[in-house]
Protein backbone atom coordinates (compact mmCIF):
# COMPACT_ATOMS: atom_id res chain seq x y z
CA MET A 1 -6.98 101.46 -27.91
CA GLY A 2 -10.24 99.55 -28.90
CA ARG A 3 -12.24 97.32 -26.95
CA PRO A 4 -11.40 94.07 -25.97
CA LYS A 5 -12.77 91.48 -27.98
CA SER A 6 -15.46 89.14 -26.45
CA ASP A 7 -15.16 85.48 -26.07
CA LYS A 8 -18.18 85.12 -28.33
CA THR A 9 -16.44 87.02 -31.12
CA ILE A 10 -13.01 85.42 -30.97
CA GLU A 11 -15.21 81.83 -31.22
CA LYS A 12 -17.06 83.26 -34.33
CA GLU A 13 -13.92 84.58 -36.09
CA ALA A 14 -12.35 80.98 -35.30
CA LYS A 15 -15.32 79.20 -36.85
CA GLU A 16 -15.37 81.24 -40.01
CA GLU A 17 -11.41 80.73 -40.23
CA GLU A 18 -12.18 77.11 -40.11
CA ASN A 19 -14.77 77.72 -42.86
CA ASP A 20 -12.55 79.17 -45.09
CA ALA A 21 -9.88 76.31 -44.44
CA THR A 22 -12.12 73.93 -45.45
CA ILE A 23 -13.52 75.37 -48.39
CA SER A 24 -10.08 76.04 -49.47
CA ALA A 25 -9.14 72.51 -48.72
CA VAL A 26 -11.89 71.04 -50.90
CA GLU A 27 -11.10 73.55 -53.82
CA ILE A 28 -7.58 72.12 -53.94
CA PHE A 29 -9.05 68.76 -53.96
CA GLU A 30 -11.26 69.50 -56.65
CA GLU A 31 -8.38 70.62 -58.61
CA MET A 32 -6.26 67.36 -57.82
CA ASP A 33 -9.10 65.24 -58.57
CA ARG A 34 -12.07 66.63 -61.36
CA ASN A 35 -14.10 63.71 -60.16
CA PHE A 36 -14.21 64.72 -56.69
CA ALA A 37 -13.74 61.30 -55.99
CA GLY A 38 -12.25 61.57 -52.43
CA PHE A 39 -15.19 63.18 -51.22
CA GLN A 40 -18.04 60.96 -52.67
CA MET A 41 -19.80 58.52 -49.97
CA LYS A 42 -20.47 55.25 -51.20
CA SER A 43 -23.50 53.82 -49.26
CA SER A 44 -22.23 51.58 -46.63
CA GLN A 45 -25.24 48.52 -47.78
CA ILE A 46 -23.48 46.04 -49.18
CA GLN A 47 -25.34 44.02 -52.22
CA THR A 48 -24.99 40.39 -51.80
CA ILE A 49 -26.32 36.88 -53.51
CA ASP A 50 -27.32 34.40 -51.97
CA SER A 51 -25.05 31.40 -50.73
CA GLY A 52 -28.13 29.10 -50.74
CA SER A 53 -26.94 28.58 -47.14
CA PRO A 54 -28.95 30.09 -44.15
CA ALA A 55 -26.65 28.89 -41.61
CA LEU A 56 -23.54 30.12 -43.74
CA ASN A 57 -25.13 33.49 -44.60
CA HIS A 58 -25.81 34.20 -40.73
CA ALA A 59 -22.18 33.06 -40.13
CA MET A 60 -20.69 35.28 -42.58
CA GLY A 61 -22.88 38.53 -40.98
CA LEU A 62 -24.56 39.04 -44.18
CA SER A 63 -27.34 37.93 -46.12
CA GLY A 64 -24.79 36.13 -48.98
CA TYR A 65 -21.46 36.68 -50.86
CA PRO A 66 -20.86 40.36 -50.78
CA ARG A 67 -20.85 41.84 -54.09
CA GLY A 68 -17.97 44.23 -55.20
CA ARG A 69 -15.45 42.31 -53.09
CA ILE A 70 -13.73 39.13 -53.51
CA THR A 71 -14.47 35.78 -51.37
CA HIS A 72 -12.04 33.20 -51.24
CA ILE A 73 -13.55 29.33 -50.93
CA TYR A 74 -10.79 26.77 -50.09
CA GLY A 75 -10.55 23.27 -48.84
CA PRO A 76 -9.49 19.63 -49.77
CA GLU A 77 -10.89 17.85 -52.75
CA GLY A 78 -14.72 16.75 -52.66
CA ALA A 79 -15.88 19.20 -49.97
CA GLY A 80 -18.04 20.98 -52.39
CA LYS A 81 -16.03 24.16 -53.22
CA SER A 82 -17.16 24.47 -56.94
CA PHE A 83 -20.79 23.20 -55.43
CA LEU A 84 -20.86 26.08 -53.42
CA ALA A 85 -19.85 28.47 -56.23
CA MET A 86 -22.68 26.79 -58.90
CA ILE A 87 -25.37 27.68 -56.19
CA ALA A 88 -24.11 31.15 -55.95
CA VAL A 89 -24.32 31.56 -60.11
CA ARG A 90 -27.67 29.88 -59.90
CA ASN A 91 -28.88 32.30 -57.34
CA ALA A 92 -27.15 35.63 -58.75
CA LEU A 93 -28.91 35.11 -62.29
CA GLN A 94 -32.16 33.64 -61.39
CA ASP A 95 -33.26 37.46 -60.32
CA ASP A 96 -32.48 38.90 -63.32
CA PRO A 97 -32.97 37.44 -66.95
CA LYS A 98 -30.48 39.75 -68.48
CA ALA A 99 -27.60 38.76 -66.05
CA ARG A 100 -24.74 36.58 -67.44
CA ALA A 101 -22.19 35.01 -65.33
CA VAL A 102 -18.29 33.79 -66.12
CA TRP A 103 -16.68 30.97 -65.20
CA PHE A 104 -12.95 30.87 -65.48
CA ASP A 105 -12.19 27.18 -65.67
CA ALA A 106 -8.14 26.49 -64.91
CA GLU A 107 -8.52 23.23 -63.82
CA SER A 108 -10.63 22.22 -66.66
CA SER A 109 -13.46 20.52 -64.49
CA PHE A 110 -16.23 22.02 -65.46
CA THR A 111 -18.96 19.88 -66.71
CA SER A 112 -22.34 21.32 -68.74
CA GLU A 113 -24.11 18.13 -67.11
CA TRP A 114 -24.08 20.14 -63.48
CA ALA A 115 -24.85 23.25 -65.09
CA ILE A 116 -27.62 21.66 -66.73
CA LYS A 117 -29.09 20.40 -63.45
CA PHE A 118 -28.75 24.07 -62.09
CA GLY A 119 -30.62 25.60 -64.56
CA ILE A 120 -27.93 27.92 -66.23
CA TRP A 121 -26.84 25.75 -68.94
CA ASP A 122 -28.15 25.77 -72.99
CA ALA A 123 -27.57 23.06 -75.18
CA ASP A 124 -26.49 26.19 -77.62
CA PRO A 125 -23.42 27.67 -75.37
CA LYS A 126 -24.63 31.13 -76.83
CA LYS A 127 -27.90 31.22 -74.85
CA SER A 128 -26.52 29.82 -71.77
CA LYS A 129 -26.25 31.97 -68.76
CA ILE A 130 -23.02 31.13 -67.89
CA ARG A 131 -19.44 31.23 -69.92
CA VAL A 132 -17.02 29.08 -69.39
CA ILE A 133 -13.41 30.11 -70.58
CA LYS A 134 -11.14 27.37 -70.52
CA GLY A 135 -7.18 27.82 -70.08
CA ASN A 136 -4.72 28.58 -67.15
CA LYS A 137 -2.30 31.33 -68.19
CA GLY A 138 -2.84 33.81 -65.33
CA ALA A 139 -1.43 36.51 -67.97
CA GLU A 140 -4.68 35.68 -70.07
CA ILE A 141 -7.02 35.16 -67.19
CA PHE A 142 -6.29 38.91 -65.84
CA GLU A 143 -5.92 40.58 -68.98
CA ARG A 144 -9.39 39.24 -70.07
CA LEU A 145 -10.80 40.79 -66.73
CA VAL A 146 -8.85 44.05 -66.39
CA GLY A 147 -7.68 44.50 -69.92
CA LYS A 148 -4.43 44.73 -71.59
CA ILE A 149 -2.17 47.92 -70.91
CA SER A 150 1.08 48.63 -72.94
CA LYS A 151 3.39 51.50 -72.99
CA ASP A 152 3.29 54.03 -76.13
CA GLY A 153 6.47 55.42 -78.03
CA PHE A 154 7.22 57.86 -74.63
CA GLY A 155 7.02 54.73 -72.04
CA ARG A 156 4.13 55.97 -70.85
CA PRO A 157 1.23 53.49 -69.82
CA LYS A 158 -1.71 53.12 -72.27
CA LYS A 159 -4.71 50.71 -72.42
CA THR A 160 -4.95 49.13 -75.60
CA LYS A 161 -7.54 46.57 -75.16
CA ASP A 162 -10.68 46.56 -72.48
CA GLY A 163 -11.48 44.12 -70.09
CA LEU A 164 -14.16 42.24 -68.84
CA VAL A 165 -14.46 45.00 -65.67
CA ASP A 166 -14.80 48.01 -68.27
CA TYR A 167 -17.55 46.30 -70.58
CA ILE A 168 -19.74 45.81 -67.18
CA LYS A 169 -18.46 49.15 -65.71
CA SER A 170 -19.96 50.83 -69.25
CA GLY A 171 -23.19 48.52 -68.74
CA ALA A 172 -22.83 46.62 -72.07
CA LEU A 173 -22.43 43.48 -70.03
CA ASN A 174 -24.32 42.93 -66.83
CA CYS A 175 -22.12 40.15 -65.00
CA PRO A 176 -22.78 40.04 -60.97
CA ILE A 177 -20.58 37.20 -60.28
CA ILE A 178 -17.29 35.69 -61.63
CA VAL A 179 -15.68 32.73 -60.33
CA ILE A 180 -12.24 31.58 -60.92
CA ASP A 181 -11.62 27.64 -60.48
CA SER A 182 -9.21 27.48 -59.38
CA LEU A 183 -6.11 29.46 -58.19
CA ALA A 184 -4.18 26.81 -57.58
CA ASP A 185 -4.18 25.91 -61.39
CA ILE A 186 -3.08 29.07 -62.48
CA ILE A 187 0.25 29.56 -64.32
CA SER A 188 2.14 32.94 -63.72
CA PRO A 189 3.77 34.48 -66.51
CA ARG A 190 7.11 33.85 -64.88
CA GLU A 191 6.16 29.90 -64.88
CA GLU A 192 5.37 29.73 -68.39
CA THR A 193 8.92 30.29 -69.43
CA ALA A 194 10.21 27.93 -66.69
CA PRO A 195 11.74 24.66 -68.15
CA VAL A 196 10.21 21.37 -67.17
CA GLY A 197 10.15 20.67 -63.22
CA GLY A 198 10.56 24.64 -62.93
CA LEU A 199 7.31 25.76 -61.73
CA THR A 200 7.42 27.36 -58.23
CA TYR A 201 4.49 28.61 -56.21
CA ALA A 202 6.81 31.57 -55.13
CA GLY A 203 6.20 32.86 -58.76
CA LEU A 204 2.30 32.20 -58.27
CA ALA A 205 1.88 34.11 -55.20
CA GLY A 206 3.92 37.19 -56.27
CA PHE A 207 1.79 37.09 -59.71
CA LEU A 208 -1.48 36.64 -57.71
CA SER A 209 -0.89 38.96 -55.06
CA SER A 210 -0.35 41.88 -57.44
CA GLU A 211 -2.91 41.27 -59.97
CA LEU A 212 -5.87 40.64 -57.39
CA LYS A 213 -4.58 43.95 -55.74
CA ARG A 214 -5.07 45.68 -59.08
CA LEU A 215 -8.65 44.12 -59.49
CA SER A 216 -10.10 44.72 -56.15
CA ALA A 217 -10.50 48.13 -56.54
CA LEU A 218 -12.26 47.53 -60.23
CA LEU A 219 -14.62 45.09 -58.82
CA GLU A 220 -16.14 47.55 -56.07
CA GLU A 221 -16.29 50.13 -59.02
CA THR A 222 -18.63 47.78 -60.85
CA ASN A 223 -20.37 46.10 -58.07
CA THR A 224 -19.10 42.34 -59.43
CA ALA A 225 -18.75 39.67 -56.81
CA LEU A 226 -15.31 37.46 -57.58
CA ILE A 227 -15.13 34.05 -56.05
CA CYS A 228 -11.78 32.77 -55.83
CA ILE A 229 -11.76 28.54 -55.25
CA ASN A 230 -8.31 27.25 -54.00
CA GLN A 231 -7.19 23.75 -53.01
CA VAL A 232 -4.92 23.01 -49.85
CA ARG A 233 -2.10 21.06 -49.01
CA GLN A 234 -1.70 19.42 -45.75
CA ASN A 235 0.75 21.32 -43.01
CA ILE A 236 3.26 18.54 -41.54
CA ASP A 237 5.03 21.62 -39.72
CA GLU A 238 3.65 22.04 -36.07
CA THR A 239 4.59 25.49 -35.90
CA ALA A 240 2.90 26.47 -39.24
CA GLN A 241 -0.31 24.27 -37.98
CA LYS A 242 -0.78 26.38 -34.96
CA ARG A 243 -0.17 29.69 -37.06
CA ASN A 244 -2.61 28.76 -40.12
CA GLY A 245 -4.47 25.81 -39.11
CA LYS A 246 -4.15 22.01 -40.44
CA TYR A 247 -4.37 23.47 -44.15
CA HIS A 248 -2.28 25.97 -46.16
CA PHE A 249 -2.96 26.87 -49.44
CA PRO A 250 -1.19 28.10 -52.82
CA GLY A 251 -0.34 31.25 -53.52
CA GLY A 252 0.98 32.51 -49.61
CA GLU A 253 -0.43 33.75 -46.86
CA ASN A 254 -0.61 37.19 -48.25
CA LEU A 255 -3.41 35.66 -50.39
CA ALA A 256 -5.88 35.90 -47.67
CA HIS A 257 -5.23 39.37 -47.17
CA LYS A 258 -7.06 40.51 -50.46
CA MET A 259 -10.05 38.74 -49.84
CA SER A 260 -13.22 40.38 -47.94
CA ILE A 261 -14.19 36.77 -46.66
CA ASN A 262 -12.30 34.00 -46.06
CA LEU A 263 -14.16 30.53 -46.17
CA LEU A 264 -12.28 26.78 -44.77
CA CYS A 265 -15.11 24.42 -46.87
CA ASP A 266 -14.26 20.75 -45.39
CA LYS A 267 -15.60 17.67 -45.11
CA VAL A 268 -17.37 16.33 -41.82
CA TYR A 269 -15.44 12.78 -41.47
CA ALA A 270 -18.05 11.17 -39.24
CA LYS A 271 -20.02 8.59 -40.33
CA GLU A 272 -23.22 10.85 -40.57
CA GLY A 273 -21.22 13.40 -42.89
CA ILE A 274 -22.75 10.82 -45.86
CA ILE A 275 -26.23 11.08 -46.81
CA TYR A 276 -27.69 7.74 -48.45
CA THR A 277 -30.59 7.43 -49.91
CA ASP A 278 -31.42 4.56 -47.58
CA PRO A 279 -31.89 6.20 -44.27
CA THR A 280 -29.77 3.48 -42.49
CA GLY A 281 -26.88 3.78 -44.81
CA LYS A 282 -26.57 0.06 -45.54
CA ASP A 283 -27.12 0.81 -49.05
CA ILE A 284 -23.50 2.47 -49.85
CA ASN A 285 -23.91 2.86 -53.47
CA THR A 286 -26.48 5.26 -53.15
CA ILE A 287 -25.07 8.48 -51.92
CA ILE A 288 -26.75 11.56 -52.27
CA GLY A 289 -24.82 14.25 -50.69
CA ARG A 290 -22.77 15.06 -47.76
CA LYS A 291 -22.55 17.25 -44.74
CA THR A 292 -19.92 20.17 -45.49
CA SER A 293 -18.32 22.10 -42.25
CA ILE A 294 -17.59 25.56 -43.38
CA THR A 295 -15.47 27.87 -41.24
CA ILE A 296 -15.29 31.55 -41.70
CA LYS A 297 -11.72 32.12 -41.41
CA LYS A 298 -11.72 35.99 -41.90
CA SER A 299 -14.98 38.29 -42.93
CA ARG A 300 -15.06 41.91 -43.19
CA PHE A 301 -18.55 42.07 -41.87
CA GLY A 302 -18.73 40.15 -39.05
CA PRO A 303 -16.77 37.88 -36.38
CA ALA A 304 -14.60 35.50 -37.01
CA PRO A 305 -13.35 32.51 -37.07
CA LYS A 306 -17.03 31.03 -36.80
CA THR A 307 -18.03 27.46 -37.67
CA CYS A 308 -21.35 25.99 -39.34
CA GLN A 309 -22.77 23.03 -41.11
CA THR A 310 -24.37 22.50 -44.20
CA THR A 311 -25.75 19.74 -46.22
CA LEU A 312 -25.16 19.47 -49.84
CA ILE A 313 -27.42 17.09 -51.83
CA PHE A 314 -26.09 16.25 -55.57
CA THR A 315 -28.81 14.11 -56.67
CA GLU A 316 -32.76 13.46 -55.62
CA GLY A 317 -33.65 11.05 -53.79
CA GLY A 318 -34.15 10.10 -49.77
CA GLY A 319 -36.57 12.73 -49.33
CA TYR A 320 -34.41 15.48 -51.57
CA ASP A 321 -36.31 16.79 -54.44
CA LYS A 322 -33.57 18.59 -56.00
CA ILE A 323 -29.61 19.62 -56.04
CA GLY A 324 -28.60 22.35 -53.90
CA ILE A 325 -28.54 22.93 -49.79
CA GLY A 326 -30.86 20.03 -48.60
CA ASP A 327 -31.78 21.13 -44.58
CA TYR A 328 -32.90 24.49 -45.72
CA GLU A 329 -35.80 24.74 -43.27
CA LYS A 330 -33.88 23.41 -40.51
CA GLU A 331 -30.87 25.70 -40.71
CA ILE A 332 -33.46 28.90 -40.63
CA ILE A 333 -34.97 26.86 -37.70
CA ASP A 334 -31.52 26.56 -35.66
CA ILE A 335 -31.05 30.18 -36.44
CA ALA A 336 -34.51 31.26 -34.86
CA ILE A 337 -34.15 28.86 -31.75
CA LYS A 338 -30.99 30.82 -30.80
CA PHE A 339 -32.36 33.86 -30.82
CA ASP A 340 -35.43 32.90 -29.16
CA LEU A 341 -37.98 33.63 -32.31
CA ILE A 342 -38.77 29.88 -31.69
CA LYS A 343 -38.67 28.23 -28.32
CA GLY A 344 -37.85 25.17 -27.72
CA GLY A 345 -39.22 23.54 -24.27
CA GLY A 346 -38.65 19.48 -24.06
CA ALA A 347 -40.04 17.99 -27.26
CA TRP A 348 -42.09 21.04 -28.19
CA CYS A 349 -41.15 24.00 -30.07
CA THR A 350 -43.35 27.44 -30.00
CA LEU A 351 -43.06 30.43 -32.38
CA ASN A 352 -42.30 33.41 -31.04
CA TYR A 353 -42.56 36.06 -33.66
CA ASN A 354 -45.10 38.27 -35.03
CA GLY A 355 -47.50 37.48 -32.10
CA LYS A 356 -47.37 33.70 -33.19
CA GLU A 357 -47.80 31.07 -30.70
CA ASP A 358 -48.47 27.91 -32.74
CA LYS A 359 -46.84 24.25 -30.84
CA PHE A 360 -45.30 21.63 -32.49
CA ASN A 361 -44.37 18.57 -31.09
CA GLY A 362 -40.71 18.11 -32.49
CA LYS A 363 -38.53 20.17 -35.06
CA GLU A 364 -39.12 17.33 -38.10
CA ARG A 365 -43.30 18.20 -37.38
CA LEU A 366 -42.03 21.94 -37.69
CA CYS A 367 -39.85 21.27 -40.68
CA LYS A 368 -43.05 19.65 -42.18
CA PHE A 369 -45.02 22.60 -41.26
CA TYR A 370 -42.49 25.15 -43.22
CA LYS A 371 -42.40 22.96 -46.19
CA GLU A 372 -46.02 22.65 -46.51
CA ASN A 373 -46.47 26.64 -45.93
CA PRO A 374 -43.52 28.08 -48.06
CA ASP A 375 -45.04 31.71 -47.45
CA GLU A 376 -44.60 31.30 -43.79
CA LEU A 377 -41.01 30.39 -44.10
CA ASN A 378 -40.13 33.11 -46.25
CA ILE A 379 -41.56 35.34 -43.66
CA LEU A 380 -39.18 33.75 -40.81
CA HIS A 381 -36.41 34.13 -43.43
CA GLU A 382 -36.88 37.77 -44.19
CA ILE A 383 -36.38 38.10 -40.29
CA VAL A 384 -33.80 35.87 -39.89
CA LYS A 385 -31.70 37.82 -42.40
CA THR A 386 -31.91 40.92 -40.23
CA LEU A 387 -30.11 39.20 -37.54
CA LYS A 388 -26.80 39.65 -36.98
CA PRO A 389 -23.97 36.97 -35.34
CA SER A 390 -22.43 37.97 -32.11
CA PRO A 391 -18.98 37.13 -30.71
CA ALA A 392 -20.26 35.76 -27.63
CA MET A 393 -22.57 33.26 -29.52
CA LYS A 394 -21.74 29.64 -30.13
CA ASN A 395 -21.07 28.12 -33.58
CA ILE A 396 -24.10 27.48 -35.72
CA GLU A 397 -23.52 23.53 -35.29
CA ASP A 398 -25.72 20.39 -35.45
CA ILE A 399 -25.72 42.44 -73.03
CA GLY A 400 -26.17 46.24 -73.81
CA GLU A 401 -24.56 48.60 -76.35
CA ALA A 402 -24.85 46.98 -79.91
CA ASN A 403 -21.14 48.82 -80.85
CA ASP A 404 -19.62 46.76 -77.72
CA GLU A 405 -21.38 43.44 -78.31
CA ASP A 406 -18.85 41.81 -80.75
CA ALA A 407 -16.02 42.88 -78.49
CA VAL A 408 -17.67 41.11 -75.55
CA GLU A 409 -18.47 38.15 -77.52
CA GLU A 410 -14.37 38.01 -78.16
CA LEU A 411 -13.52 38.57 -74.49
CA LEU A 412 -15.89 35.57 -73.73
CA GLU A 413 -15.21 33.56 -76.85
CA ASN A 414 -13.66 29.77 -76.01
CA SER A 415 -16.65 28.89 -73.96
CA GLU A 416 -17.27 25.47 -73.61
CA GLU A 417 -19.23 23.43 -76.55
């Protein structure tokens, strides 16, 4: 009879058996998936596209719209949904001169005048950084995105035509952002063959749900941001209002599950929600912007729901020198005050970061200081970017390879002339 095994020997043998089992499991997964995708850990660092509004970035829990994910912006007409998407396109393209954006104009509302003001459109459409594709047939839109899949003679699925995501993945096309404007105007294949008056939102809901499910994984592989704009309908049912709020949107509730971020963009209906050239607001014919309330209904990157306000400026005037986000400095200052980077005491604001102790009499003078010293504003903005919203905090109110060029151009044809 041999000597009994010691506890250390038993523990050592158990670890060896566990290691052998792990190695065997890895070999099995390698055999099943030659790309070894199951064990490839992706970076947790999410790249973003600046929304242009520090308040919105902070409320979302990121420094902008996430790349590789889907962002859903919905709200009533005139709230600024397309305007926010246009700002995102401008910010995505300005960092990379070779980058191009794609805008699917399903509701035929895109105008080159707006794009020229943003600096992303050229008189020659082929030289423009943004390609506009007209048409509202859902099958054609998603076929351009993911390609065309048909069956061969044996009934097996086969890809017969590449889509945008394939060219982005291969490096033939540098496209950081895609916009669909809007989901409500897309016609599903089932609706295309329906008789007059036979269109139903049920067909749209099923079509979008399945297509976005297929598209979401491809977007993550290509690191492309997709912004889906949607319209809303008024909820008149009290039960639905308690569950979903004041509005619901075409595509069904299941549509929201496919999105990483859901943003409800609504007007500020108070009198101060409209920005006039005349500060008194007496001249009602000189409206240059409006305040917009944005509610983050869902965010994979921060607590929700949260609400913020931002100012959209449509033209120059009234102290605003360019279109875009109006109170940029004020939004950064408001966030800094909440985190004690700027201390407010009475009418005074005292800087409290990087060893600074400068005092300013009132927020307006502090804004003026940052406008005159953009480098100082950038330093504060970089600090603010690292701050994450807390659930306990109050809401913040107040082209590539030569052989692929022709195929890419064909895919992007039908741009606005």
